[in-house]
PDB file of N, CA and C in Angstrom:
ATOM      1  N   UNK A   1     -37.740  -7.228  26.459  1.00  0.00           N
ATOM      2  CA  UNK A   1     -37.926  -7.833  25.153  1.00  0.00           C
ATOM      3  C   UNK A   1     -36.645  -7.862  24.330  1.00  0.00           C
ATOM      4  N   UNK A   2     -35.564  -7.306  24.837  1.00  0.00           N
ATOM      5  CA  UNK A   2     -34.326  -7.304  24.067  1.00  0.00           C
ATOM      6  C   UNK A   2     -33.791  -8.709  23.870  1.00  0.00           C
ATOM      7  N   UNK A   3     -33.955  -9.582  24.861  1.00  0.00           N
ATOM      8  CA  UNK A   3     -33.476 -10.952  24.752  1.00  0.00           C
ATOM      9  C   UNK A   3     -34.171 -11.728  23.648  1.00  0.00           C
ATOM     10  N   UNK A   4     -35.435 -11.423  23.419  1.00  0.00           N
ATOM     11  CA  UNK A   4     -36.188 -12.105  22.368  1.00  0.00           C
ATOM     12  C   UNK A   4     -35.586 -11.781  21.010  1.00  0.00           C
ATOM     13  N   UNK A   5     -35.199 -10.551  20.802  1.00  0.00           N
ATOM     14  CA  UNK A   5     -34.604 -10.160  19.528  1.00  0.00           C
ATOM     15  C   UNK A   5     -33.302 -10.876  19.261  1.00  0.00           C
ATOM     16  N   UNK A   6     -32.472 -11.022  20.281  1.00  0.00           N
ATOM     17  CA  UNK A   6     -31.185 -11.709  20.120  1.00  0.00           C
ATOM     18  C   UNK A   6     -31.394 -13.189  19.822  1.00  0.00           C
ATOM     19  N   UNK A   7     -32.311 -13.822  20.530  1.00  0.00           N
ATOM     20  CA  UNK A   7     -32.528 -15.250  20.280  1.00  0.00           C
ATOM     21  C   UNK A   7     -33.136 -15.467  18.896  1.00  0.00           C
ATOM     22  N   UNK A   8     -33.966 -14.536  18.438  1.00  0.00           N
ATOM     23  CA  UNK A   8     -34.516 -14.652  17.092  1.00  0.00           C
ATOM     24  C   UNK A   8     -33.418 -14.477  16.052  1.00  0.00           C
ATOM     25  N   UNK A   9     -32.399 -13.666  16.340  1.00  0.00           N
ATOM     26  CA  UNK A   9     -31.280 -13.515  15.409  1.00  0.00           C
ATOM     27  C   UNK A   9     -30.525 -14.831  15.271  1.00  0.00           C
ATOM     28  N   UNK A  10     -30.339 -15.522  16.376  1.00  0.00           N
ATOM     29  CA  UNK A  10     -29.664 -16.825  16.339  1.00  0.00           C
ATOM     30  C   UNK A  10     -30.503 -17.816  15.536  1.00  0.00           C
ATOM     31  N   UNK A  11     -31.803 -17.840  15.763  1.00  0.00           N
ATOM     32  CA  UNK A  11     -32.677 -18.763  15.040  1.00  0.00           C
ATOM     33  C   UNK A  11     -32.712 -18.421  13.553  1.00  0.00           C
ATOM     34  N   UNK A  12     -32.708 -17.137  13.229  1.00  0.00           N
ATOM     35  CA  UNK A  12     -32.699 -16.702  11.831  1.00  0.00           C
ATOM     36  C   UNK A  12     -31.420 -17.163  11.139  1.00  0.00           C
ATOM     37  N   UNK A  13     -30.295 -17.079  11.838  1.00  0.00           N
ATOM     38  CA  UNK A  13     -29.028 -17.552  11.274  1.00  0.00           C
ATOM     39  C   UNK A  13     -29.088 -19.057  11.016  1.00  0.00           C
ATOM     40  N   UNK A  14     -29.710 -19.797  11.921  1.00  0.00           N
ATOM     41  CA  UNK A  14     -29.861 -21.242  11.714  1.00  0.00           C
ATOM     42  C   UNK A  14     -30.695 -21.538  10.474  1.00  0.00           C
ATOM     43  N   UNK A  15     -31.778 -20.801  10.303  1.00  0.00           N
ATOM     44  CA  UNK A  15     -32.646 -21.031   9.148  1.00  0.00           C
ATOM     45  C   UNK A  15     -31.908 -20.709   7.853  1.00  0.00           C
ATOM     46  N   UNK A  16     -31.112 -19.655   7.856  1.00  0.00           N
ATOM     47  CA  UNK A  16     -30.395 -19.254   6.638  1.00  0.00           C
ATOM     48  C   UNK A  16     -29.265 -20.213   6.283  1.00  0.00           C
ATOM     49  N   UNK A  17     -28.569 -20.768   7.290  1.00  0.00           N
ATOM     50  CA  UNK A  17     -27.442 -21.661   7.003  1.00  0.00           C
ATOM     51  C   UNK A  17     -27.870 -23.111   6.783  1.00  0.00           C
ATOM     52  N   UNK A  18     -29.027 -23.493   7.296  1.00  0.00           N
ATOM     53  CA  UNK A  18     -29.609 -24.827   7.120  1.00  0.00           C
ATOM     54  C   UNK A  18     -28.641 -25.958   7.476  1.00  0.00           C
ATOM     55  N   UNK A  19     -28.095 -25.973   8.688  1.00  0.00           N
ATOM     56  CA  UNK A  19     -27.194 -27.065   9.070  1.00  0.00           C
ATOM     57  C   UNK A  19     -27.985 -28.348   9.343  1.00  0.00           C
ATOM     58  N   UNK A  20     -27.847 -29.340   8.500  1.00  0.00           N
ATOM     59  CA  UNK A  20     -28.654 -30.558   8.589  1.00  0.00           C
ATOM     60  C   UNK A  20     -28.329 -31.429   9.796  1.00  0.00           C
ATOM     61  N   UNK A  21     -27.225 -31.144  10.483  1.00  0.00           N
ATOM     62  CA  UNK A  21     -26.863 -31.944  11.652  1.00  0.00           C
ATOM     63  C   UNK A  21     -27.190 -31.248  12.971  1.00  0.00           C
ATOM     64  N   UNK A  22     -27.812 -30.082  12.903  1.00  0.00           N
ATOM     65  CA  UNK A  22     -28.142 -29.320  14.115  1.00  0.00           C
ATOM     66  C   UNK A  22     -29.553 -29.684  14.587  1.00  0.00           C
ATOM     67  N   UNK A  23     -29.684 -30.196  15.812  1.00  0.00           N
ATOM     68  CA  UNK A  23     -31.009 -30.613  16.288  1.00  0.00           C
ATOM     69  C   UNK A  23     -32.011 -29.461  16.377  1.00  0.00           C
ATOM     70  N   UNK A  24     -31.545 -28.257  16.674  1.00  0.00           N
ATOM     71  CA  UNK A  24     -32.467 -27.117  16.771  1.00  0.00           C
ATOM     72  C   UNK A  24     -33.018 -26.772  15.391  1.00  0.00           C
ATOM     73  N   UNK A  25     -32.155 -26.783  14.368  1.00  0.00           N
ATOM     74  CA  UNK A  25     -32.626 -26.506  13.008  1.00  0.00           C
ATOM     75  C   UNK A  25     -33.636 -27.566  12.570  1.00  0.00           C
ATOM     76  N   UNK A  26     -33.329 -28.828  12.811  1.00  0.00           N
ATOM     77  CA  UNK A  26     -34.242 -29.900  12.417  1.00  0.00           C
ATOM     78  C   UNK A  26     -35.589 -29.764  13.121  1.00  0.00           C
ATOM     79  N   UNK A  27     -35.568 -29.380  14.395  1.00  0.00           N
ATOM     80  CA  UNK A  27     -36.800 -29.165  15.156  1.00  0.00           C
ATOM     81  C   UNK A  27     -37.615 -28.020  14.550  1.00  0.00           C
ATOM     82  N   UNK A  28     -36.942 -26.901  14.253  1.00  0.00           N
ATOM     83  CA  UNK A  28     -37.651 -25.751  13.677  1.00  0.00           C
ATOM     84  C   UNK A  28     -38.178 -26.071  12.284  1.00  0.00           C
ATOM     85  N   UNK A  29     -37.407 -26.801  11.505  1.00  0.00           N
ATOM     86  CA  UNK A  29     -37.840 -27.171  10.162  1.00  0.00           C
ATOM     87  C   UNK A  29     -39.075 -28.064  10.224  1.00  0.00           C
ATOM     88  N   UNK A  30     -39.115 -28.964  11.209  1.00  0.00           N
ATOM     89  CA  UNK A  30     -40.283 -29.825  11.397  1.00  0.00           C
ATOM     90  C   UNK A  30     -41.513 -28.979  11.738  1.00  0.00           C
ATOM     91  N   UNK A  31     -41.333 -27.989  12.616  1.00  0.00           N
ATOM     92  CA  UNK A  31     -42.454 -27.128  13.001  1.00  0.00           C
ATOM     93  C   UNK A  31     -42.950 -26.305  11.809  1.00  0.00           C
ATOM     94  N   UNK A  32     -42.000 -25.820  10.983  1.00  0.00           N
ATOM     95  CA  UNK A  32     -42.403 -25.076   9.777  1.00  0.00           C
ATOM     96  C   UNK A  32     -43.188 -25.976   8.837  1.00  0.00           C
ATOM     97  N   UNK A  33     -42.723 -27.219   8.675  1.00  0.00           N
ATOM     98  CA  UNK A  33     -43.405 -28.168   7.791  1.00  0.00           C
ATOM     99  C   UNK A  33     -44.810 -28.492   8.294  1.00  0.00           C
ATOM    100  N   UNK A  34     -45.011 -28.399   9.601  1.00  0.00           N
ATOM    101  CA  UNK A  34     -46.337 -28.635  10.180  1.00  0.00           C
ATOM    102  C   UNK A  34     -47.263 -27.439   9.972  1.00  0.00           C
ATOM    103  N   UNK A  35     -46.732 -26.349   9.439  1.00  0.00           N
ATOM    104  CA  UNK A  35     -47.545 -25.173   9.170  1.00  0.00           C
ATOM    105  C   UNK A  35     -47.685 -24.218  10.340  1.00  0.00           C
ATOM    106  N   UNK A  36     -46.793 -24.329  11.313  1.00  0.00           N
ATOM    107  CA  UNK A  36     -46.850 -23.427  12.470  1.00  0.00           C
ATOM    108  C   UNK A  36     -46.501 -22.006  12.034  1.00  0.00           C
ATOM    109  N   UNK A  37     -47.098 -21.001  12.667  1.00  0.00           N
ATOM    110  CA  UNK A  37     -46.758 -19.609  12.352  1.00  0.00           C
ATOM    111  C   UNK A  37     -45.304 -19.294  12.703  1.00  0.00           C
ATOM    112  N   UNK A  38     -44.759 -18.270  12.055  1.00  0.00           N
ATOM    113  CA  UNK A  38     -43.365 -17.858  12.221  1.00  0.00           C
ATOM    114  C   UNK A  38     -42.996 -17.665  13.684  1.00  0.00           C
ATOM    115  N   UNK A  39     -43.784 -16.891  14.399  1.00  0.00           N
ATOM    116  CA  UNK A  39     -43.462 -16.591  15.795  1.00  0.00           C
ATOM    117  C   UNK A  39     -43.463 -17.855  16.653  1.00  0.00           C
ATOM    118  N   UNK A  40     -44.335 -18.795  16.341  1.00  0.00           N
ATOM    119  CA  UNK A  40     -44.437 -20.037  17.113  1.00  0.00           C
ATOM    120  C   UNK A  40     -43.189 -20.888  16.922  1.00  0.00           C
ATOM    121  N   UNK A  41     -42.778 -21.124  15.661  1.00  0.00           N
ATOM    122  CA  UNK A  41     -41.620 -21.998  15.474  1.00  0.00           C
ATOM    123  C   UNK A  41     -40.315 -21.312  15.842  1.00  0.00           C
ATOM    124  N   UNK A  42     -40.249 -19.993  15.733  1.00  0.00           N
ATOM    125  CA  UNK A  42     -39.039 -19.283  16.164  1.00  0.00           C
ATOM    126  C   UNK A  42     -38.912 -19.327  17.690  1.00  0.00           C
ATOM    127  N   UNK A  43     -40.015 -19.132  18.395  1.00  0.00           N
ATOM    128  CA  UNK A  43     -39.996 -19.188  19.857  1.00  0.00           C
ATOM    129  C   UNK A  43     -39.679 -20.604  20.334  1.00  0.00           C
ATOM    130  N   UNK A  44     -40.288 -21.590  19.701  1.00  0.00           N
ATOM    131  CA  UNK A  44     -40.018 -22.984  20.075  1.00  0.00           C
ATOM    132  C   UNK A  44     -38.556 -23.337  19.824  1.00  0.00           C
ATOM    133  N   UNK A  45     -38.001 -22.873  18.711  1.00  0.00           N
ATOM    134  CA  UNK A  45     -36.594 -23.128  18.410  1.00  0.00           C
ATOM    135  C   UNK A  45     -35.670 -22.451  19.402  1.00  0.00           C
ATOM    136  N   UNK A  46     -35.997 -21.218  19.772  1.00  0.00           N
ATOM    137  CA  UNK A  46     -35.178 -20.494  20.754  1.00  0.00           C
ATOM    138  C   UNK A  46     -35.222 -21.196  22.107  1.00  0.00           C
ATOM    139  N   UNK A  47     -36.390 -21.672  22.507  1.00  0.00           N
ATOM    140  CA  UNK A  47     -36.510 -22.396  23.781  1.00  0.00           C
ATOM    141  C   UNK A  47     -35.707 -23.688  23.759  1.00  0.00           C
ATOM    142  N   UNK A  48     -35.771 -24.415  22.649  1.00  0.00           N
ATOM    143  CA  UNK A  48     -35.009 -25.663  22.537  1.00  0.00           C
ATOM    144  C   UNK A  48     -33.513 -25.367  22.583  1.00  0.00           C
ATOM    145  N   UNK A  49     -33.076 -24.336  21.872  1.00  0.00           N
ATOM    146  CA  UNK A  49     -31.665 -23.945  21.886  1.00  0.00           C
ATOM    147  C   UNK A  49     -31.205 -23.633  23.306  1.00  0.00           C
ATOM    148  N   UNK A  50     -32.004 -22.867  24.038  1.00  0.00           N
ATOM    149  CA  UNK A  50     -31.627 -22.487  25.401  1.00  0.00           C
ATOM    150  C   UNK A  50     -31.598 -23.688  26.340  1.00  0.00           C
ATOM    151  N   UNK A  51     -32.519 -24.637  26.163  1.00  0.00           N
ATOM    152  CA  UNK A  51     -32.499 -25.848  26.991  1.00  0.00           C
ATOM    153  C   UNK A  51     -31.231 -26.663  26.735  1.00  0.00           C
ATOM    154  N   UNK A  52     -30.853 -26.804  25.463  1.00  0.00           N
ATOM    155  CA  UNK A  52     -29.634 -27.546  25.127  1.00  0.00           C
ATOM    156  C   UNK A  52     -28.413 -26.820  25.669  1.00  0.00           C
ATOM    157  N   UNK A  53     -28.361 -25.518  25.455  1.00  0.00           N
ATOM    158  CA  UNK A  53     -27.227 -24.712  25.925  1.00  0.00           C
ATOM    159  C   UNK A  53     -27.103 -24.789  27.445  1.00  0.00           C
ATOM    160  N   UNK A  54     -28.213 -24.623  28.140  1.00  0.00           N
ATOM    161  CA  UNK A  54     -28.210 -24.677  29.600  1.00  0.00           C
ATOM    162  C   UNK A  54     -27.729 -26.042  30.091  1.00  0.00           C
ATOM    163  N   UNK A  55     -28.177 -27.102  29.449  1.00  0.00           N
ATOM    164  CA  UNK A  55     -27.751 -28.444  29.831  1.00  0.00           C
ATOM    165  C   UNK A  55     -26.257 -28.645  29.657  1.00  0.00           C
ATOM    166  N   UNK A  56     -25.724 -28.130  28.559  1.00  0.00           N
ATOM    167  CA  UNK A  56     -24.280 -28.275  28.316  1.00  0.00           C
ATOM    168  C   UNK A  56     -23.458 -27.454  29.298  1.00  0.00           C
ATOM    169  N   UNK A  57     -23.933 -26.271  29.631  1.00  0.00           N
ATOM    170  CA  UNK A  57     -23.220 -25.437  30.606  1.00  0.00           C
ATOM    171  C   UNK A  57     -23.246 -26.101  31.978  1.00  0.00           C
ATOM    172  N   UNK A  58     -24.411 -26.613  32.388  1.00  0.00           N
ATOM    173  CA  UNK A  58     -24.514 -27.291  33.686  1.00  0.00           C
ATOM    174  C   UNK A  58     -23.599 -28.511  33.736  1.00  0.00           C
ATOM    175  N   UNK A  59     -23.555 -29.261  32.644  1.00  0.00           N
ATOM    176  CA  UNK A  59     -22.686 -30.438  32.583  1.00  0.00           C
ATOM    177  C   UNK A  59     -21.217 -30.032  32.712  1.00  0.00           C
ATOM    178  N   UNK A  60     -20.835 -28.979  32.007  1.00  0.00           N
ATOM    179  CA  UNK A  60     -19.453 -28.496  32.077  1.00  0.00           C
ATOM    180  C   UNK A  60     -19.114 -28.013  33.486  1.00  0.00           C
ATOM    181  N   UNK A  61     -20.007 -27.247  34.080  1.00  0.00           N
ATOM    182  CA  UNK A  61     -19.748 -26.724  35.422  1.00  0.00           C
ATOM    183  C   UNK A  61     -19.666 -27.840  36.464  1.00  0.00           C
ATOM    184  N   UNK A  62     -20.417 -28.898  36.263  1.00  0.00           N
ATOM    185  CA  UNK A  62     -20.351 -30.009  37.215  1.00  0.00           C
ATOM    186  C   UNK A  62     -19.009 -30.729  37.134  1.00  0.00           C
ATOM    187  N   UNK A  63     -18.365 -30.710  35.982  1.00  0.00           N
ATOM    188  CA  UNK A  63     -17.045 -31.343  35.869  1.00  0.00           C
ATOM    189  C   UNK A  63     -15.973 -30.504  36.544  1.00  0.00           C
ATOM    190  N   UNK A  64     -16.189 -29.207  36.675  1.00  0.00           N
ATOM    191  CA  UNK A  64     -15.202 -28.332  37.310  1.00  0.00           C
ATOM    192  C   UNK A  64     -15.156 -28.529  38.818  1.00  0.00           C
ATOM    193  N   UNK A  65     -16.279 -28.846  39.413  1.00  0.00           N
ATOM    194  CA  UNK A  65     -16.337 -28.949  40.869  1.00  0.00           C
ATOM    195  C   UNK A  65     -15.832 -30.294  41.389  1.00  0.00           C
ATOM    196  N   UNK A  66     -15.571 -31.230  40.509  1.00  0.00           N
ATOM    197  CA  UNK A  66     -15.121 -32.565  40.947  1.00  0.00           C
ATOM    198  C   UNK A  66     -13.660 -32.599  41.272  1.00  0.00           C
TER     199      UNK A  66
END
């Protein structure tokens, strides 16, 4: 469960800074506006962040092998 705490810290920082150009923040803000519980929108935001991060890392690594 330690990983959950770290990802929630990242999501909490996003909520506090409110970056209007960050897709993860906009996604979480939409979920909050829909009335989703805290744990639900934080988990959904963390999952979206990890999917984006993983995609960017995979894309970068694929350029190294060429």
